Each structure stands twice: as C-alpha cells, then as structure tokens.
PDB file of N, CA and C in Angstrom:
ATOM      1  N   MET A   1     -35.639 -14.020  59.782  1.00  0.00           N
ATOM      2  CA  MET A   1     -36.023 -14.086  59.140  1.00  0.00           C
ATOM      3  C   MET A   1     -36.449 -12.719  58.487  1.00  0.00           C
ATOM      4  N   MET A   2     -35.565 -12.659  56.994  1.00  0.00           N
ATOM      5  CA  MET A   2     -35.725 -11.510  56.263  1.00  0.00           C
ATOM      6  C   MET A   2     -36.678 -11.476  55.650  1.00  0.00           C
ATOM      7  N   LYS A   3     -37.445 -10.540  55.222  1.00  0.00           N
ATOM      8  CA  LYS A   3     -38.977  -9.964  54.815  1.00  0.00           C
ATOM      9  C   LYS A   3     -38.700  -8.765  53.615  1.00  0.00           C
ATOM     10  N   ILE A   4     -39.170  -9.486  52.816  1.00  0.00           N
ATOM     11  CA  ILE A   4     -38.961  -8.747  51.216  1.00  0.00           C
ATOM     12  C   ILE A   4     -40.020  -8.405  51.065  1.00  0.00           C
ATOM     13  N   THR A   5     -40.012  -7.039  50.009  1.00  0.00           N
ATOM     14  CA  THR A   5     -41.497  -6.744  49.041  1.00  0.00           C
ATOM     15  C   THR A   5     -41.285  -6.660  48.136  1.00  0.00           C
ATOM     16  N   ALA A   6     -42.291  -7.915  46.941  1.00  0.00           N
ATOM     17  CA  ALA A   6     -42.695  -7.453  46.194  1.00  0.00           C
ATOM     18  C   ALA A   6     -43.576  -6.494  45.290  1.00  0.00           C
ATOM     19  N   LEU A   7     -43.451  -6.319  43.764  1.00  0.00           N
ATOM     20  CA  LEU A   7     -44.037  -5.492  43.354  1.00  0.00           C
ATOM     21  C   LEU A   7     -44.815  -6.493  42.437  1.00  0.00           C
ATOM     22  N   LEU A   8     -46.311  -7.042  42.522  1.00  0.00           N
ATOM     23  CA  LEU A   8     -46.675  -7.911  41.598  1.00  0.00           C
ATOM     24  C   LEU A   8     -47.257  -7.511  39.747  1.00  0.00           C
ATOM     25  N   HIS A   9     -47.573  -7.899  38.988  1.00  0.00           N
ATOM     26  CA  HIS A   9     -47.799  -7.216  38.139  1.00  0.00           C
ATOM     27  C   HIS A   9     -48.829  -8.458  36.982  1.00  0.00           C
ATOM     28  N   ASP A  10     -49.904  -8.003  37.102  1.00  0.00           N
ATOM     29  CA  ASP A  10     -51.036  -8.959  36.459  1.00  0.00           C
ATOM     30  C   ASP A  10     -50.888  -8.501  35.397  1.00  0.00           C
ATOM     31  N   CYS A  11     -50.451  -9.909  34.261  1.00  0.00           N
ATOM     32  CA  CYS A  11     -50.173  -9.348  32.911  1.00  0.00           C
ATOM     33  C   CYS A  11     -51.066  -9.004  31.953  1.00  0.00           C
ATOM     34  N   SER A  12     -51.967  -9.664  32.873  1.00  0.00           N
ATOM     35  CA  SER A  12     -53.185  -9.819  31.845  1.00  0.00           C
ATOM     36  C   SER A  12     -54.098  -8.361  31.438  1.00  0.00           C
ATOM     37  N   ALA A  13     -53.433  -7.135  32.275  1.00  0.00           N
ATOM     38  CA  ALA A  13     -53.506  -5.557  32.150  1.00  0.00           C
ATOM     39  C   ALA A  13     -53.097  -5.281  30.415  1.00  0.00           C
ATOM     40  N   ASP A  14     -52.490  -6.336  30.182  1.00  0.00           N
ATOM     41  CA  ASP A  14     -51.175  -5.697  29.361  1.00  0.00           C
ATOM     42  C   ASP A  14     -51.604  -7.026  27.697  1.00  0.00           C
ATOM     43  N   GLY A  15     -52.746  -7.960  28.470  1.00  0.00           N
ATOM     44  CA  GLY A  15     -53.220  -8.631  27.307  1.00  0.00           C
ATOM     45  C   GLY A  15     -52.208  -9.549  26.900  1.00  0.00           C
ATOM     46  N   GLU A  16     -51.850  -9.980  27.501  1.00  0.00           N
ATOM     47  CA  GLU A  16     -50.502 -11.223  28.023  1.00  0.00           C
ATOM     48  C   GLU A  16     -51.409 -12.253  29.227  1.00  0.00           C
ATOM     49  N   SER A  17     -50.351 -13.492  29.585  1.00  0.00           N
ATOM     50  CA  SER A  17     -50.749 -14.509  30.575  1.00  0.00           C
ATOM     51  C   SER A  17     -50.015 -13.690  31.780  1.00  0.00           C
ATOM     52  N   GLY A  18     -50.111 -14.105  32.606  1.00  0.00           N
ATOM     53  CA  GLY A  18     -49.440 -14.591  33.370  1.00  0.00           C
ATOM     54  C   GLY A  18     -49.014 -13.836  34.703  1.00  0.00           C
ATOM     55  N   PHE A  19     -47.778 -13.388  35.177  1.00  0.00           N
ATOM     56  CA  PHE A  19     -47.641 -12.625  36.194  1.00  0.00           C
ATOM     57  C   PHE A  19     -46.131 -12.468  36.430  1.00  0.00           C
ATOM     58  N   ALA A  20     -45.618 -10.777  36.137  1.00  0.00           N
ATOM     59  CA  ALA A  20     -44.074 -10.701  36.250  1.00  0.00           C
ATOM     60  C   ALA A  20     -44.389  -9.573  37.971  1.00  0.00           C
ATOM     61  N   ALA A  21     -42.826  -9.106  37.916  1.00  0.00           N
ATOM     62  CA  ALA A  21     -42.594  -9.051  40.152  1.00  0.00           C
ATOM     63  C   ALA A  21     -41.830  -9.002  39.730  1.00  0.00           C
ATOM     64  N   SER A  22     -41.022  -7.652  40.562  1.00  0.00           N
ATOM     65  CA  SER A  22     -39.790  -7.259  40.639  1.00  0.00           C
ATOM     66  C   SER A  22     -39.626  -6.994  42.679  1.00  0.00           C
ATOM     67  N   CYS A  23     -38.612  -6.911  43.056  1.00  0.00           N
ATOM     68  CA  CYS A  23     -38.234  -6.957  44.539  1.00  0.00           C
ATOM     69  C   CYS A  23     -38.068  -5.357  44.921  1.00  0.00           C
ATOM     70  N   ILE A  24     -38.914  -4.914  45.720  1.00  0.00           N
ATOM     71  CA  ILE A  24     -38.264  -3.103  45.949  1.00  0.00           C
ATOM     72  C   ILE A  24     -37.445  -2.916  46.539  1.00  0.00           C
ATOM     73  N   GLU A  25     -36.775  -3.946  47.231  1.00  0.00           N
ATOM     74  CA  GLU A  25     -35.391  -3.818  48.065  1.00  0.00           C
ATOM     75  C   GLU A  25     -34.304  -4.468  47.253  1.00  0.00           C
ATOM     76  N   PHE A  26     -33.749  -5.551  46.466  1.00  0.00           N
ATOM     77  CA  PHE A  26     -33.545  -5.402  45.130  1.00  0.00           C
ATOM     78  C   PHE A  26     -33.954  -6.010  44.239  1.00  0.00           C
ATOM     79  N   PRO A  27     -34.047  -3.811  43.405  1.00  0.00           N
ATOM     80  CA  PRO A  27     -34.267  -4.132  42.249  1.00  0.00           C
ATOM     81  C   PRO A  27     -33.859  -4.658  41.035  1.00  0.00           C
ATOM     82  N   GLU A  28     -32.393  -5.279  40.929  1.00  0.00           N
ATOM     83  CA  GLU A  28     -31.632  -6.289  39.966  1.00  0.00           C
ATOM     84  C   GLU A  28     -32.981  -7.767  40.227  1.00  0.00           C
ATOM     85  N   ALA A  29     -33.641  -7.818  41.191  1.00  0.00           N
ATOM     86  CA  ALA A  29     -34.118  -9.060  41.307  1.00  0.00           C
ATOM     87  C   ALA A  29     -35.900  -8.843  40.353  1.00  0.00           C
ATOM     88  N   ASN A  30     -35.742  -9.786  39.470  1.00  0.00           N
ATOM     89  CA  ASN A  30     -37.406  -9.693  38.544  1.00  0.00           C
ATOM     90  C   ASN A  30     -37.967 -11.211  38.287  1.00  0.00           C
ATOM     91  N   ALA A  31     -38.961 -11.737  38.374  1.00  0.00           N
ATOM     92  CA  ALA A  31     -39.282 -12.711  38.097  1.00  0.00           C
ATOM     93  C   ALA A  31     -40.443 -12.500  37.050  1.00  0.00           C
ATOM     94  N   GLN A  32     -40.987 -13.699  36.739  1.00  0.00           N
ATOM     95  CA  GLN A  32     -42.276 -14.242  36.407  1.00  0.00           C
ATOM     96  C   GLN A  32     -42.768 -15.703  36.794  1.00  0.00           C
ATOM     97  N   GLY A  33     -44.061 -15.575  35.958  1.00  0.00           N
ATOM     98  CA  GLY A  33     -45.058 -16.600  36.354  1.00  0.00           C
ATOM     99  C   GLY A  33     -46.287 -16.949  35.781  1.00  0.00           C
ATOM    100  N   GLU A  34     -47.100 -18.474  35.500  1.00  0.00           N
ATOM    101  CA  GLU A  34     -47.826 -17.991  35.302  1.00  0.00           C
ATOM    102  C   GLU A  34     -49.131 -17.833  36.444  1.00  0.00           C
ATOM    103  N   THR A  35     -48.568 -18.823  37.255  1.00  0.00           N
ATOM    104  CA  THR A  35     -49.649 -17.982  38.485  1.00  0.00           C
ATOM    105  C   THR A  35     -48.687 -16.884  39.664  1.00  0.00           C
ATOM    106  N   VAL A  36     -49.570 -16.728  40.498  1.00  0.00           N
ATOM    107  CA  VAL A  36     -49.138 -15.518  41.453  1.00  0.00           C
ATOM    108  C   VAL A  36     -47.799 -16.542  42.602  1.00  0.00           C
ATOM    109  N   GLU A  37     -48.105 -17.170  42.548  1.00  0.00           N
ATOM    110  CA  GLU A  37     -46.985 -18.559  43.457  1.00  0.00           C
ATOM    111  C   GLU A  37     -46.174 -18.521  43.121  1.00  0.00           C
ATOM    112  N   GLU A  38     -46.482 -19.314  41.643  1.00  0.00           N
ATOM    113  CA  GLU A  38     -44.936 -19.348  41.065  1.00  0.00           C
ATOM    114  C   GLU A  38     -44.267 -18.192  40.699  1.00  0.00           C
ATOM    115  N   CYS A  39     -44.758 -16.918  40.038  1.00  0.00           N
ATOM    116  CA  CYS A  39     -43.991 -15.979  40.429  1.00  0.00           C
ATOM    117  C   CYS A  39     -43.013 -15.061  41.627  1.00  0.00           C
ATOM    118  N   LEU A  40     -43.858 -16.014  42.633  1.00  0.00           N
ATOM    119  CA  LEU A  40     -43.553 -15.113  43.847  1.00  0.00           C
ATOM    120  C   LEU A  40     -42.497 -16.051  44.318  1.00  0.00           C
ATOM    121  N   ASP A  41     -42.172 -17.743  43.934  1.00  0.00           N
ATOM    122  CA  ASP A  41     -40.715 -18.193  44.349  1.00  0.00           C
ATOM    123  C   ASP A  41     -40.287 -17.893  43.614  1.00  0.00           C
ATOM    124  N   ASP A  42     -40.054 -17.634  42.077  1.00  0.00           N
ATOM    125  CA  ASP A  42     -39.449 -17.326  40.734  1.00  0.00           C
ATOM    126  C   ASP A  42     -38.935 -16.174  41.416  1.00  0.00           C
ATOM    127  N   LEU A  43     -38.885 -15.025  42.288  1.00  0.00           N
ATOM    128  CA  LEU A  43     -38.851 -14.599  42.690  1.00  0.00           C
ATOM    129  C   LEU A  43     -37.892 -14.147  43.929  1.00  0.00           C
ATOM    130  N   ARG A  44     -38.335 -15.342  44.653  1.00  0.00           N
ATOM    131  CA  ARG A  44     -37.356 -15.085  45.926  1.00  0.00           C
ATOM    132  C   ARG A  44     -36.078 -16.147  45.385  1.00  0.00           C
ATOM    133  N   SER A  45     -36.208 -17.137  44.447  1.00  0.00           N
ATOM    134  CA  SER A  45     -34.650 -17.230  43.886  1.00  0.00           C
ATOM    135  C   SER A  45     -33.979 -15.659  43.391  1.00  0.00           C
ATOM    136  N   ALA A  46     -34.498 -15.675  41.983  1.00  0.00           N
ATOM    137  CA  ALA A  46     -34.038 -14.103  42.075  1.00  0.00           C
ATOM    138  C   ALA A  46     -33.010 -13.415  43.358  1.00  0.00           C
ATOM    139  N   VAL A  47     -33.520 -13.255  43.951  1.00  0.00           N
ATOM    140  CA  VAL A  47     -33.225 -12.393  45.380  1.00  0.00           C
ATOM    141  C   VAL A  47     -32.048 -13.310  46.604  1.00  0.00           C
ATOM    142  N   GLN A  48     -32.409 -14.894  46.287  1.00  0.00           N
ATOM    143  CA  GLN A  48     -30.981 -15.535  46.934  1.00  0.00           C
ATOM    144  C   GLN A  48     -30.070 -15.302  45.659  1.00  0.00           C
ATOM    145  N   THR A  49     -30.268 -15.485  44.409  1.00  0.00           N
ATOM    146  CA  THR A  49     -29.158 -15.216  43.286  1.00  0.00           C
ATOM    147  C   THR A  49     -28.299 -14.019  44.239  1.00  0.00           C
ATOM    148  N   VAL A  50     -29.089 -13.055  44.084  1.00  0.00           N
ATOM    149  CA  VAL A  50     -28.347 -11.367  43.940  1.00  0.00           C
ATOM    150  C   VAL A  50     -27.540 -11.414  45.578  1.00  0.00           C
ATOM    151  N   LEU A  51     -28.049 -12.021  46.453  1.00  0.00           N
ATOM    152  CA  LEU A  51     -27.161 -12.123  47.694  1.00  0.00           C
ATOM    153  C   LEU A  51     -26.491 -13.087  47.697  1.00  0.00           C
ATOM    154  N   GLU A  52     -26.379 -13.802  46.575  1.00  0.00           N
ATOM    155  CA  GLU A  52     -24.470 -14.655  46.457  1.00  0.00           C
ATOM    156  C   GLU A  52     -24.262 -13.993  45.852  1.00  0.00           C
ATOM    157  N   TYR A  53     -24.308 -13.984  44.469  1.00  0.00           N
ATOM    158  CA  TYR A  53     -22.960 -13.145  44.003  1.00  0.00           C
ATOM    159  C   TYR A  53     -23.059 -11.749  44.819  1.00  0.00           C
ATOM    160  N   ARG A  54     -23.778 -10.766  45.755  1.00  0.00           N
ATOM    161  CA  ARG A  54     -23.169  -9.745  46.586  1.00  0.00           C
ATOM    162  C   ARG A  54     -21.948 -10.257  47.352  1.00  0.00           C
ATOM    163  N   ARG A  55     -22.694 -11.105  48.428  1.00  0.00           N
ATOM    164  CA  ARG A  55     -21.193 -12.375  49.114  1.00  0.00           C
ATOM    165  C   ARG A  55     -20.425 -12.685  48.777  1.00  0.00           C
ATOM    166  N   GLN A  56     -20.263 -13.397  46.833  1.00  0.00           N
ATOM    167  CA  GLN A  56     -19.124 -13.690  46.514  1.00  0.00           C
ATOM    168  C   GLN A  56     -18.487 -12.664  46.149  1.00  0.00           C
ATOM    169  N   THR A  57     -19.101 -11.378  45.628  1.00  0.00           N
ATOM    170  CA  THR A  57     -18.075 -10.133  45.174  1.00  0.00           C
ATOM    171  C   THR A  57     -17.255  -9.587  46.399  1.00  0.00           C
ATOM    172  N   ALA A  58     -17.908  -9.489  47.879  1.00  0.00           N
ATOM    173  CA  ALA A  58     -17.495  -8.678  48.474  1.00  0.00           C
ATOM    174  C   ALA A  58     -16.137 -10.023  49.021  1.00  0.00           C
ATOM    175  N   MET A  59     -16.493 -11.597  49.181  1.00  0.00           N
ATOM    176  CA  MET A  59     -15.385 -11.965  49.523  1.00  0.00           C
ATOM    177  C   MET A  59     -14.255 -11.945  48.345  1.00  0.00           C
ATOM    178  N   GLU A  60     -14.594 -11.672  47.749  1.00  0.00           N
ATOM    179  CA  GLU A  60     -13.211 -11.293  46.209  1.00  0.00           C
ATOM    180  C   GLU A  60     -12.508  -9.952  47.286  1.00  0.00           C
ATOM    181  N   SER A  61     -13.479  -8.977  47.561  1.00  0.00           N
ATOM    182  CA  SER A  61     -12.856  -7.675  47.611  1.00  0.00           C
ATOM    183  C   SER A  61     -12.580  -7.891  48.909  1.00  0.00           C
ATOM    184  N   LEU A  62     -12.280  -8.766  50.212  1.00  0.00           N
ATOM    185  CA  LEU A  62     -11.864  -8.284  51.487  1.00  0.00           C
ATOM    186  C   LEU A  62     -10.549  -7.662  51.645  1.00  0.00           C
ATOM    187  N   GLY A  63     -10.206  -7.131  52.227  1.00  0.00           N
ATOM    188  CA  GLY A  63      -9.064  -6.699  52.935  1.00  0.00           C
ATOM    189  C   GLY A  63      -8.168  -6.773  54.002  1.00  0.00           C
ATOM    190  N   LYS A  64      -7.232  -7.077  53.947  1.00  0.00           N
ATOM    191  CA  LYS A  64      -6.541  -7.230  55.123  1.00  0.00           C
ATOM    192  C   LYS A  64      -7.217  -6.997  56.255  1.00  0.00           C
ATOM    193  N   GLY A  65      -7.150  -8.022  57.444  1.00  0.00           N
ATOM    194  CA  GLY A  65      -8.302  -8.386  58.246  1.00  0.00           C
ATOM    195  C   GLY A  65      -9.693  -8.004  58.366  1.00  0.00           C
ATOM    196  N   GLU A  66      -9.741  -7.879  57.202  1.00  0.00           N
ATOM    197  CA  GLU A  66     -11.364  -7.874  56.912  1.00  0.00           C
ATOM    198  C   GLU A  66     -12.104  -9.907  56.945  1.00  0.00           C
ATOM    199  N   ARG A  67     -13.408  -9.383  57.171  1.00  0.00           N
ATOM    200  CA  ARG A  67     -14.213 -10.889  57.612  1.00  0.00           C
ATOM    201  C   ARG A  67     -15.772 -10.783  56.961  1.00  0.00           C
ATOM    202  N   LEU A  68     -16.158 -11.630  56.507  1.00  0.00           N
ATOM    203  CA  LEU A  68     -17.658 -11.955  56.434  1.00  0.00           C
ATOM    204  C   LEU A  68     -18.286 -12.172  57.374  1.00  0.00           C
ATOM    205  N   GLU A  69     -19.482 -11.871  57.346  1.00  0.00           N
ATOM    206  CA  GLU A  69     -20.339 -12.263  59.276  1.00  0.00           C
ATOM    207  C   GLU A  69     -21.503 -12.733  58.101  1.00  0.00           C
ATOM    208  N   VAL A  70     -22.251 -13.890  58.479  1.00  0.00           N
ATOM    209  CA  VAL A  70     -23.952 -13.761  58.020  1.00  0.00           C
ATOM    210  C   VAL A  70     -24.963 -13.767  59.022  1.00  0.00           C
ATOM    211  N   LEU A  71     -25.488 -12.636  58.776  1.00  0.00           N
ATOM    212  CA  LEU A  71     -26.704 -12.582  60.235  1.00  0.00           C
ATOM    213  C   LEU A  71     -27.783 -12.686  59.596  1.00  0.00           C
ATOM    214  N   THR A  72     -28.958 -13.481  60.716  1.00  0.00           N
ATOM    215  CA  THR A  72     -30.403 -13.625  60.336  1.00  0.00           C
ATOM    216  C   THR A  72     -30.808 -12.248  60.532  1.00  0.00           C
ATOM    217  N   ALA A  73     -31.826 -11.745  60.041  1.00  0.00           N
ATOM    218  CA  ALA A  73     -32.887 -10.301  60.000  1.00  0.00           C
ATOM    219  C   ALA A  73     -34.261 -10.619  59.710  1.00  0.00           C
TER     220      ALA A  73
END
C-alpha cells in the first residue's frame, strides 16, 4: 500500500471553519472538509483522481511495443 503525505491546514487560523489539505507527493491533489477525517478522505479521493488521470494519459500515449504495468508500492 502506497503512503502519501498530507499538509493539513486548520482554517480556523484564518477565521473560517474546517480544514484544507494538499498532498506533498501529488501537489495537484487538494481537499477540504469540515473535520480532519472528512478532509483527509477528500484528499485520498483527489489523489486517486490524479492517478487515474495520469494512467489514462499514459495509456493514450503508448508507443509501439510499450505497455503499462500497475504496481503496488
């Protein structure tokens, strides 16, 4: 199982409610939620979306003799 690192921000420090997060390994994956758990669940989903997009893009650009292999890390 792959591990990712979340940078979590407590929005109450800005006078707002809830939490925001970004993923160190996938900077384009961002999330928000009213609770830490909700925010982190949203971030997991965002990371999955990024991975699916990257796989699809890679699949569409395969050259002759190339193939993709999915690994568990």
